[in-house]
Amino acid sequence: MGLPRRSPLLPDWTTLKEWSGNGPKETETFQTETAEWRVNWSNAGGFLSVTVYDDGGKMVSLAANTKDEGKDTSYVHKKGRFYLKINATGKWSISVEENR
């Protein structure tokens, strides 16, 4: 029979960057060449806000804003160079994935 083929309609997500911490952080700049990418975040408790900025300092998206424990994903629809500003009072982890 052979191996099943991956559908060309399903996205193929590739991790660009990952961070974790306890408290606030500003990330390094990263670049994406795709028009759709996502921010996966996990909050262990406390306040968590994740804001996406372009390399010119303009706010692009608010990816997370919660005080609840949990995890979620936010999507961004723009190519370019970006960084994240993380404001947190507890432990968190974040990854940025590109749709290739």
PDB file of N, CA and C in Angstrom:
ATOM      1  N   MET A   1       0.795  -1.203   0.000  1.00  0.00           N
ATOM      2  CA  MET A   1       0.000   0.000   0.000  1.00  0.00           C
ATOM      3  C   MET A   1       0.834   1.261   0.000  1.00  0.00           C
ATOM      4  N   GLY A   2       1.802   1.407   0.798  1.00  0.00           N
ATOM      5  CA  GLY A   2       2.595   2.635   0.834  1.00  0.00           C
ATOM      6  C   GLY A   2       2.162   3.563   1.955  1.00  0.00           C
ATOM      7  N   LEU A   3       2.926   4.616   2.128  1.00  0.00           N
ATOM      8  CA  LEU A   3       2.649   5.589   3.179  1.00  0.00           C
ATOM      9  C   LEU A   3       1.565   6.566   2.738  1.00  0.00           C
ATOM     10  N   PRO A   4       0.730   7.025   3.694  1.00  0.00           N
ATOM     11  CA  PRO A   4      -0.272   8.028   3.333  1.00  0.00           C
ATOM     12  C   PRO A   4       0.410   9.342   2.972  1.00  0.00           C
ATOM     13  N   ARG A   5      -0.150  10.073   2.034  1.00  0.00           N
ATOM     14  CA  ARG A   5       0.404  11.353   1.624  1.00  0.00           C
ATOM     15  C   ARG A   5      -0.187  12.473   2.470  1.00  0.00           C
ATOM     16  N   ARG A   6       0.613  13.455   2.765  1.00  0.00           N
ATOM     17  CA  ARG A   6       0.150  14.620   3.498  1.00  0.00           C
ATOM     18  C   ARG A   6      -0.679  15.488   2.570  1.00  0.00           C
ATOM     19  N   SER A   7      -1.823  15.922   3.032  1.00  0.00           N
ATOM     20  CA  SER A   7      -2.695  16.760   2.233  1.00  0.00           C
ATOM     21  C   SER A   7      -2.065  18.130   2.014  1.00  0.00           C
ATOM     22  N   PRO A   8      -2.052  18.641   0.788  1.00  0.00           N
ATOM     23  CA  PRO A   8      -1.503  19.981   0.542  1.00  0.00           C
ATOM     24  C   PRO A   8      -2.361  21.083   1.162  1.00  0.00           C
ATOM     25  N   LEU A   9      -3.559  20.748   1.619  1.00  0.00           N
ATOM     26  CA  LEU A   9      -4.445  21.740   2.218  1.00  0.00           C
ATOM     27  C   LEU A   9      -4.172  21.950   3.705  1.00  0.00           C
ATOM     28  N   LEU A  10      -3.466  21.012   4.338  1.00  0.00           N
ATOM     29  CA  LEU A  10      -3.169  21.128   5.763  1.00  0.00           C
ATOM     30  C   LEU A  10      -1.871  21.902   5.960  1.00  0.00           C
ATOM     31  N   PRO A  11      -1.845  22.825   6.906  1.00  0.00           N
ATOM     32  CA  PRO A  11      -0.619  23.580   7.142  1.00  0.00           C
ATOM     33  C   PRO A  11       0.479  22.704   7.735  1.00  0.00           C
ATOM     34  N   ASP A  12       1.692  23.076   7.458  1.00  0.00           N
ATOM     35  CA  ASP A  12       2.871  22.398   7.987  1.00  0.00           C
ATOM     36  C   ASP A  12       3.591  23.400   8.887  1.00  0.00           C
ATOM     37  N   TRP A  13       3.378  23.304  10.197  1.00  0.00           N
ATOM     38  CA  TRP A  13       3.913  24.281  11.140  1.00  0.00           C
ATOM     39  C   TRP A  13       5.336  23.929  11.549  1.00  0.00           C
ATOM     40  N   THR A  14       6.228  24.931  11.491  1.00  0.00           N
ATOM     41  CA  THR A  14       7.624  24.793  11.860  1.00  0.00           C
ATOM     42  C   THR A  14       7.944  25.799  12.961  1.00  0.00           C
ATOM     43  N   THR A  15       8.558  25.348  14.034  1.00  0.00           N
ATOM     44  CA  THR A  15       8.898  26.232  15.148  1.00  0.00           C
ATOM     45  C   THR A  15      10.058  27.139  14.767  1.00  0.00           C
ATOM     46  N   LEU A  16       9.859  28.455  14.922  1.00  0.00           N
ATOM     47  CA  LEU A  16      10.914  29.442  14.680  1.00  0.00           C
ATOM     48  C   LEU A  16      11.695  29.760  15.945  1.00  0.00           C
ATOM     49  N   LYS A  17      10.962  29.994  17.043  1.00  0.00           N
ATOM     50  CA  LYS A  17      11.581  30.383  18.313  1.00  0.00           C
ATOM     51  C   LYS A  17      10.747  29.853  19.472  1.00  0.00           C
ATOM     52  N   GLU A  18      11.419  29.654  20.608  1.00  0.00           N
ATOM     53  CA  GLU A  18      10.742  29.251  21.844  1.00  0.00           C
ATOM     54  C   GLU A  18      11.356  30.008  23.011  1.00  0.00           C
ATOM     55  N   TRP A  19      10.515  30.378  23.967  1.00  0.00           N
ATOM     56  CA  TRP A  19      10.965  31.062  25.178  1.00  0.00           C
ATOM     57  C   TRP A  19      10.158  30.547  26.359  1.00  0.00           C
ATOM     58  N   SER A  20      10.742  30.652  27.537  1.00  0.00           N
ATOM     59  CA  SER A  20      10.014  30.382  28.771  1.00  0.00           C
ATOM     60  C   SER A  20      10.619  31.257  29.855  1.00  0.00           C
ATOM     61  N   GLY A  21       9.825  31.521  30.865  1.00  0.00           N
ATOM     62  CA  GLY A  21      10.332  32.371  31.923  1.00  0.00           C
ATOM     63  C   GLY A  21       9.337  32.549  33.043  1.00  0.00           C
ATOM     64  N   ASN A  22       9.687  33.476  33.922  1.00  0.00           N
ATOM     65  CA  ASN A  22       8.874  33.822  35.077  1.00  0.00           C
ATOM     66  C   ASN A  22       8.986  35.327  35.238  1.00  0.00           C
ATOM     67  N   GLY A  23       7.977  36.044  34.796  1.00  0.00           N
ATOM     68  CA  GLY A  23       8.030  37.501  34.835  1.00  0.00           C
ATOM     69  C   GLY A  23       8.172  38.086  33.441  1.00  0.00           C
ATOM     70  N   PRO A  24       8.437  39.393  33.363  1.00  0.00           N
ATOM     71  CA  PRO A  24       8.471  40.073  32.072  1.00  0.00           C
ATOM     72  C   PRO A  24       9.718  39.741  31.243  1.00  0.00           C
ATOM     73  N   LYS A  25       9.575  39.897  29.916  1.00  0.00           N
ATOM     74  CA  LYS A  25      10.690  39.660  28.998  1.00  0.00           C
ATOM     75  C   LYS A  25      10.373  40.328  27.668  1.00  0.00           C
ATOM     76  N   GLU A  26      11.402  40.815  26.994  1.00  0.00           N
ATOM     77  CA  GLU A  26      11.302  41.263  25.606  1.00  0.00           C
ATOM     78  C   GLU A  26      12.205  40.349  24.797  1.00  0.00           C
ATOM     79  N   THR A  27      11.680  39.768  23.736  1.00  0.00           N
ATOM     80  CA  THR A  27      12.442  38.775  22.966  1.00  0.00           C
ATOM     81  C   THR A  27      13.328  39.442  21.923  1.00  0.00           C
ATOM     82  N   GLU A  28      14.205  38.648  21.371  1.00  0.00           N
ATOM     83  CA  GLU A  28      14.982  39.087  20.217  1.00  0.00           C
ATOM     84  C   GLU A  28      14.065  39.154  19.001  1.00  0.00           C
ATOM     85  N   THR A  29      14.525  39.807  17.965  1.00  0.00           N
ATOM     86  CA  THR A  29      13.762  39.909  16.723  1.00  0.00           C
ATOM     87  C   THR A  29      13.858  38.588  15.965  1.00  0.00           C
ATOM     88  N   PHE A  30      12.745  38.189  15.373  1.00  0.00           N
ATOM     89  CA  PHE A  30      12.718  37.004  14.513  1.00  0.00           C
ATOM     90  C   PHE A  30      12.041  37.386  13.204  1.00  0.00           C
ATOM     91  N   GLN A  31      12.289  36.604  12.167  1.00  0.00           N
ATOM     92  CA  GLN A  31      11.740  36.902  10.848  1.00  0.00           C
ATOM     93  C   GLN A  31      10.911  35.749  10.331  1.00  0.00           C
ATOM     94  N   THR A  32       9.798  36.080   9.689  1.00  0.00           N
ATOM     95  CA  THR A  32       8.979  35.082   9.034  1.00  0.00           C
ATOM     96  C   THR A  32       8.701  35.523   7.601  1.00  0.00           C
ATOM     97  N   GLU A  33       8.764  34.571   6.697  1.00  0.00           N
ATOM     98  CA  GLU A  33       8.530  34.828   5.274  1.00  0.00           C
ATOM     99  C   GLU A  33       7.124  34.411   4.849  1.00  0.00           C
ATOM    100  N   THR A  34       6.334  33.927   5.797  1.00  0.00           N
ATOM    101  CA  THR A  34       4.982  33.480   5.454  1.00  0.00           C
ATOM    102  C   THR A  34       3.954  34.500   5.935  1.00  0.00           C
ATOM    103  N   ALA A  35       2.823  34.522   5.271  1.00  0.00           N
ATOM    104  CA  ALA A  35       1.762  35.475   5.595  1.00  0.00           C
ATOM    105  C   ALA A  35       0.868  34.981   6.732  1.00  0.00           C
ATOM    106  N   GLU A  36       1.126  33.771   7.233  1.00  0.00           N
ATOM    107  CA  GLU A  36       0.387  33.284   8.398  1.00  0.00           C
ATOM    108  C   GLU A  36       1.361  32.583   9.337  1.00  0.00           C
ATOM    109  N   TRP A  37       1.389  33.044  10.576  1.00  0.00           N
ATOM    110  CA  TRP A  37       2.195  32.395  11.608  1.00  0.00           C
ATOM    111  C   TRP A  37       1.435  32.510  12.918  1.00  0.00           C
ATOM    112  N   ARG A  38       1.917  31.783  13.929  1.00  0.00           N
ATOM    113  CA  ARG A  38       1.153  31.750  15.171  1.00  0.00           C
ATOM    114  C   ARG A  38       2.039  31.822  16.408  1.00  0.00           C
ATOM    115  N   VAL A  39       1.407  32.293  17.481  1.00  0.00           N
ATOM    116  CA  VAL A  39       2.036  32.377  18.799  1.00  0.00           C
ATOM    117  C   VAL A  39       1.297  31.396  19.699  1.00  0.00           C
ATOM    118  N   ASN A  40       1.991  30.365  20.148  1.00  0.00           N
ATOM    119  CA  ASN A  40       1.440  29.402  21.111  1.00  0.00           C
ATOM    120  C   ASN A  40       1.913  29.829  22.493  1.00  0.00           C
ATOM    121  N   TRP A  41       1.005  29.929  23.438  1.00  0.00           N
ATOM    122  CA  TRP A  41       1.408  30.343  24.776  1.00  0.00           C
ATOM    123  C   TRP A  41       0.776  29.444  25.836  1.00  0.00           C
ATOM    124  N   SER A  42       1.482  29.360  26.951  1.00  0.00           N
ATOM    125  CA  SER A  42       1.025  28.598  28.103  1.00  0.00           C
ATOM    126  C   SER A  42       1.287  29.441  29.345  1.00  0.00           C
ATOM    127  N   ASN A  43       0.297  29.528  30.210  1.00  0.00           N
ATOM    128  CA  ASN A  43       0.397  30.319  31.430  1.00  0.00           C
ATOM    129  C   ASN A  43       0.164  29.408  32.632  1.00  0.00           C
ATOM    130  N   ALA A  44       1.150  29.357  33.541  1.00  0.00           N
ATOM    131  CA  ALA A  44       1.047  28.495  34.714  1.00  0.00           C
ATOM    132  C   ALA A  44       0.285  29.160  35.853  1.00  0.00           C
ATOM    133  N   GLY A  45      -0.130  30.391  35.668  1.00  0.00           N
ATOM    134  CA  GLY A  45      -0.866  31.122  36.701  1.00  0.00           C
ATOM    135  C   GLY A  45      -0.313  32.517  36.837  1.00  0.00           C
ATOM    136  N   GLY A  46      -1.124  33.436  37.290  1.00  0.00           N
ATOM    137  CA  GLY A  46      -0.721  34.832  37.344  1.00  0.00           C
ATOM    138  C   GLY A  46      -1.117  35.527  36.053  1.00  0.00           C
ATOM    139  N   PHE A  47      -0.731  36.773  35.936  1.00  0.00           N
ATOM    140  CA  PHE A  47      -1.072  37.566  34.763  1.00  0.00           C
ATOM    141  C   PHE A  47      -0.098  37.284  33.624  1.00  0.00           C
ATOM    142  N   LEU A  48      -0.613  37.194  32.382  1.00  0.00           N
ATOM    143  CA  LEU A  48       0.221  37.033  31.190  1.00  0.00           C
ATOM    144  C   LEU A  48      -0.349  37.876  30.058  1.00  0.00           C
ATOM    145  N   SER A  49       0.497  38.730  29.501  1.00  0.00           N
ATOM    146  CA  SER A  49       0.162  39.507  28.322  1.00  0.00           C
ATOM    147  C   SER A  49       1.310  39.340  27.320  1.00  0.00           C
ATOM    148  N   VAL A  50       0.966  38.994  26.074  1.00  0.00           N
ATOM    149  CA  VAL A  50       1.967  38.826  25.017  1.00  0.00           C
ATOM    150  C   VAL A  50       1.571  39.733  23.858  1.00  0.00           C
ATOM    151  N   THR A  51       2.413  40.711  23.566  1.00  0.00           N
ATOM    152  CA  THR A  51       2.148  41.663  22.498  1.00  0.00           C
ATOM    153  C   THR A  51       3.187  41.483  21.398  1.00  0.00           C
ATOM    154  N   VAL A  52       2.726  41.453  20.145  1.00  0.00           N
ATOM    155  CA  VAL A  52       3.588  41.310  18.977  1.00  0.00           C
ATOM    156  C   VAL A  52       3.846  42.704  18.401  1.00  0.00           C
ATOM    157  N   TYR A  53       5.125  43.014  18.164  1.00  0.00           N
ATOM    158  CA  TYR A  53       5.532  44.282  17.557  1.00  0.00           C
ATOM    159  C   TYR A  53       6.340  43.998  16.306  1.00  0.00           C
ATOM    160  N   ASP A  54       6.230  44.899  15.301  1.00  0.00           N
ATOM    161  CA  ASP A  54       7.120  44.778  14.153  1.00  0.00           C
ATOM    162  C   ASP A  54       8.468  45.389  14.523  1.00  0.00           C
ATOM    163  N   ASP A  55       9.465  45.217  13.662  1.00  0.00           N
ATOM    164  CA  ASP A  55      10.811  45.683  14.016  1.00  0.00           C
ATOM    165  C   ASP A  55      10.923  47.205  14.069  1.00  0.00           C
ATOM    166  N   GLY A  56       9.874  47.921  13.649  1.00  0.00           N
ATOM    167  CA  GLY A  56       9.831  49.374  13.782  1.00  0.00           C
ATOM    168  C   GLY A  56       9.177  49.829  15.073  1.00  0.00           C
ATOM    169  N   GLY A  57       8.746  48.871  15.908  1.00  0.00           N
ATOM    170  CA  GLY A  57       8.139  49.192  17.190  1.00  0.00           C
ATOM    171  C   GLY A  57       6.642  49.400  17.153  1.00  0.00           C
ATOM    172  N   LYS A  58       6.004  49.112  16.003  1.00  0.00           N
ATOM    173  CA  LYS A  58       4.551  49.268  15.885  1.00  0.00           C
ATOM    174  C   LYS A  58       3.855  47.992  16.359  1.00  0.00           C
ATOM    175  N   MET A  59       2.841  48.168  17.218  1.00  0.00           N
ATOM    176  CA  MET A  59       2.086  47.008  17.696  1.00  0.00           C
ATOM    177  C   MET A  59       1.331  46.362  16.536  1.00  0.00           C
ATOM    178  N   VAL A  60       1.454  45.033  16.439  1.00  0.00           N
ATOM    179  CA  VAL A  60       0.815  44.264  15.375  1.00  0.00           C
ATOM    180  C   VAL A  60      -0.378  43.482  15.917  1.00  0.00           C
ATOM    181  N   SER A  61      -0.214  42.890  17.111  1.00  0.00           N
ATOM    182  CA  SER A  61      -1.256  42.021  17.640  1.00  0.00           C
ATOM    183  C   SER A  61      -1.082  41.840  19.145  1.00  0.00           C
ATOM    184  N   LEU A  62      -2.194  41.634  19.831  1.00  0.00           N
ATOM    185  CA  LEU A  62      -2.182  41.217  21.225  1.00  0.00           C
ATOM    186  C   LEU A  62      -2.467  39.718  21.224  1.00  0.00           C
ATOM    187  N   ALA A  63      -1.429  38.915  21.419  1.00  0.00           N
ATOM    188  CA  ALA A  63      -1.539  37.460  21.293  1.00  0.00           C
ATOM    189  C   ALA A  63      -2.133  36.805  22.533  1.00  0.00           C
ATOM    190  N   ALA A  64      -1.944  37.419  23.695  1.00  0.00           N
ATOM    191  CA  ALA A  64      -2.491  36.865  24.935  1.00  0.00           C
ATOM    192  C   ALA A  64      -2.705  37.993  25.934  1.00  0.00           C
ATOM    193  N   ASN A  65      -3.729  37.852  26.736  1.00  0.00           N
ATOM    194  CA  ASN A  65      -4.006  38.794  27.815  1.00  0.00           C
ATOM    195  C   ASN A  65      -4.925  38.071  28.801  1.00  0.00           C
ATOM    196  N   THR A  66      -4.317  37.431  29.800  1.00  0.00           N
ATOM    197  CA  THR A  66      -5.101  36.593  30.700  1.00  0.00           C
ATOM    198  C   THR A  66      -4.496  36.568  32.097  1.00  0.00           C
ATOM    199  N   LYS A  67      -5.321  36.220  33.053  1.00  0.00           N
ATOM    200  CA  LYS A  67      -4.842  35.949  34.413  1.00  0.00           C
ATOM    201  C   LYS A  67      -5.138  34.505  34.789  1.00  0.00           C
ATOM    202  N   ASP A  68      -5.703  33.767  33.849  1.00  0.00           N
ATOM    203  CA  ASP A  68      -6.079  32.375  34.089  1.00  0.00           C
ATOM    204  C   ASP A  68      -4.975  31.413  33.666  1.00  0.00           C
ATOM    205  N   GLU A  69      -4.865  30.328  34.381  1.00  0.00           N
ATOM    206  CA  GLU A  69      -3.949  29.256  34.001  1.00  0.00           C
ATOM    207  C   GLU A  69      -4.487  28.592  32.737  1.00  0.00           C
ATOM    208  N   GLY A  70      -3.593  28.250  31.804  1.00  0.00           N
ATOM    209  CA  GLY A  70      -4.030  27.576  30.588  1.00  0.00           C
ATOM    210  C   GLY A  70      -3.107  27.833  29.424  1.00  0.00           C
ATOM    211  N   LYS A  71      -3.579  27.471  28.234  1.00  0.00           N
ATOM    212  CA  LYS A  71      -2.788  27.672  27.025  1.00  0.00           C
ATOM    213  C   LYS A  71      -3.725  27.946  25.859  1.00  0.00           C
ATOM    214  N   ASP A  72      -3.165  28.586  24.816  1.00  0.00           N
ATOM    215  CA  ASP A  72      -3.962  28.919  23.645  1.00  0.00           C
ATOM    216  C   ASP A  72      -3.011  29.291  22.508  1.00  0.00           C
ATOM    217  N   THR A  73      -3.596  29.609  21.361  1.00  0.00           N
ATOM    218  CA  THR A  73      -2.840  29.981  20.165  1.00  0.00           C
ATOM    219  C   THR A  73      -3.476  31.203  19.541  1.00  0.00           C
ATOM    220  N   SER A  74      -2.637  32.154  19.114  1.00  0.00           N
ATOM    221  CA  SER A  74      -3.093  33.333  18.382  1.00  0.00           C
ATOM    222  C   SER A  74      -2.377  33.371  17.038  1.00  0.00           C
ATOM    223  N   TYR A  75      -3.083  33.802  16.004  1.00  0.00           N
ATOM    224  CA  TYR A  75      -2.542  33.830  14.643  1.00  0.00           C
ATOM    225  C   TYR A  75      -2.249  35.254  14.209  1.00  0.00           C
ATOM    226  N   VAL A  76      -1.174  35.421  13.440  1.00  0.00           N
ATOM    227  CA  VAL A  76      -0.785  36.714  12.877  1.00  0.00           C
ATOM    228  C   VAL A  76      -0.711  36.533  11.369  1.00  0.00           C
ATOM    229  N   HIS A  77      -1.212  37.521  10.633  1.00  0.00           N
ATOM    230  CA  HIS A  77      -1.278  37.427   9.175  1.00  0.00           C
ATOM    231  C   HIS A  77      -0.470  38.558   8.549  1.00  0.00           C
ATOM    232  N   LYS A  78       0.854  38.471   8.704  1.00  0.00           N
ATOM    233  CA  LYS A  78       1.743  39.510   8.189  1.00  0.00           C
ATOM    234  C   LYS A  78       3.162  38.965   8.128  1.00  0.00           C
ATOM    235  N   LYS A  79       3.863  39.190   7.016  1.00  0.00           N
ATOM    236  CA  LYS A  79       5.277  38.817   6.882  1.00  0.00           C
ATOM    237  C   LYS A  79       6.150  39.899   7.494  1.00  0.00           C
ATOM    238  N   GLY A  80       7.380  39.524   7.826  1.00  0.00           N
ATOM    239  CA  GLY A  80       8.339  40.533   8.259  1.00  0.00           C
ATOM    240  C   GLY A  80       9.165  40.109   9.457  1.00  0.00           C
ATOM    241  N   ARG A  81       9.689  41.145  10.127  1.00  0.00           N
ATOM    242  CA  ARG A  81      10.514  40.957  11.316  1.00  0.00           C
ATOM    243  C   ARG A  81       9.712  41.455  12.515  1.00  0.00           C
ATOM    244  N   PHE A  82       9.715  40.649  13.582  1.00  0.00           N
ATOM    245  CA  PHE A  82       8.885  40.922  14.740  1.00  0.00           C
ATOM    246  C   PHE A  82       9.630  40.606  16.035  1.00  0.00           C
ATOM    247  N   TYR A  83       9.100  41.088  17.146  1.00  0.00           N
ATOM    248  CA  TYR A  83       9.542  40.674  18.480  1.00  0.00           C
ATOM    249  C   TYR A  83       8.331  40.683  19.398  1.00  0.00           C
ATOM    250  N   LEU A  84       8.456  40.040  20.544  1.00  0.00           N
ATOM    251  CA  LEU A  84       7.369  39.946  21.517  1.00  0.00           C
ATOM    252  C   LEU A  84       7.742  40.688  22.789  1.00  0.00           C
ATOM    253  N   LYS A  85       6.760  41.348  23.370  1.00  0.00           N
ATOM    254  CA  LYS A  85       6.897  41.907  24.715  1.00  0.00           C
ATOM    255  C   LYS A  85       5.979  41.092  25.607  1.00  0.00           C
ATOM    256  N   ILE A  86       6.573  40.473  26.613  1.00  0.00           N
ATOM    257  CA  ILE A  86       5.843  39.610  27.524  1.00  0.00           C
ATOM    258  C   ILE A  86       5.788  40.290  28.882  1.00  0.00           C
ATOM    259  N   ASN A  87       4.591  40.495  29.373  1.00  0.00           N
ATOM    260  CA  ASN A  87       4.381  41.045  30.703  1.00  0.00           C
ATOM    261  C   ASN A  87       3.719  39.947  31.520  1.00  0.00           C
ATOM    262  N   ALA A  88       4.386  39.501  32.568  1.00  0.00           N
ATOM    263  CA  ALA A  88       3.870  38.363  33.320  1.00  0.00           C
ATOM    264  C   ALA A  88       4.249  38.460  34.789  1.00  0.00           C
ATOM    265  N   THR A  89       3.421  37.819  35.606  1.00  0.00           N
ATOM    266  CA  THR A  89       3.713  37.736  37.036  1.00  0.00           C
ATOM    267  C   THR A  89       3.952  36.298  37.474  1.00  0.00           C
ATOM    268  N   GLY A  90       3.922  35.369  36.551  1.00  0.00           N
ATOM    269  CA  GLY A  90       4.131  33.960  36.864  1.00  0.00           C
ATOM    270  C   GLY A  90       4.892  33.263  35.758  1.00  0.00           C
ATOM    271  N   LYS A  91       4.934  31.948  35.828  1.00  0.00           N
ATOM    272  CA  LYS A  91       5.655  31.144  34.835  1.00  0.00           C
ATOM    273  C   LYS A  91       4.850  31.032  33.544  1.00  0.00           C
ATOM    274  N   TRP A  92       5.569  31.055  32.420  1.00  0.00           N
ATOM    275  CA  TRP A  92       4.951  30.992  31.108  1.00  0.00           C
ATOM    276  C   TRP A  92       5.908  30.322  30.127  1.00  0.00           C
ATOM    277  N   SER A  93       5.360  29.885  28.997  1.00  0.00           N
ATOM    278  CA  SER A  93       6.176  29.421  27.870  1.00  0.00           C
ATOM    279  C   SER A  93       5.470  29.848  26.587  1.00  0.00           C
ATOM    280  N   ILE A  94       6.289  30.181  25.580  1.00  0.00           N
ATOM    281  CA  ILE A  94       5.774  30.697  24.322  1.00  0.00           C
ATOM    282  C   ILE A  94       6.598  30.124  23.177  1.00  0.00           C
ATOM    283  N   SER A  95       5.924  29.781  22.087  1.00  0.00           N
ATOM    284  CA  SER A  95       6.622  29.410  20.864  1.00  0.00           C
ATOM    285  C   SER A  95       5.987  30.152  19.696  1.00  0.00           C
ATOM    286  N   VAL A  96       6.809  30.442  18.689  1.00  0.00           N
ATOM    287  CA  VAL A  96       6.342  31.050  17.458  1.00  0.00           C
ATOM    288  C   VAL A  96       6.549  30.041  16.361  1.00  0.00           C
ATOM    289  N   GLU A  97       5.489  29.764  15.601  1.00  0.00           N
ATOM    290  CA  GLU A  97       5.540  28.775  14.527  1.00  0.00           C
ATOM    291  C   GLU A  97       5.122  29.435  13.216  1.00  0.00           C
ATOM    292  N   GLU A  98       5.783  28.987  12.150  1.00  0.00           N
ATOM    293  CA  GLU A  98       5.536  29.494  10.812  1.00  0.00           C
ATOM    294  C   GLU A  98       4.827  28.425   9.984  1.00  0.00           C
ATOM    295  N   ASN A  99       3.893  28.843   9.160  1.00  0.00           N
ATOM    296  CA  ASN A  99       3.170  27.930   8.283  1.00  0.00           C
ATOM    297  C   ASN A  99       3.928  27.826   6.962  1.00  0.00           C
ATOM    298  N   ARG A 100       4.564  26.673   6.736  1.00  0.00           N
ATOM    299  CA  ARG A 100       5.353  26.492   5.512  1.00  0.00           C
ATOM    300  C   ARG A 100       4.648  25.610   4.554  1.00  0.00           C
TER     301      ARG A 100
END
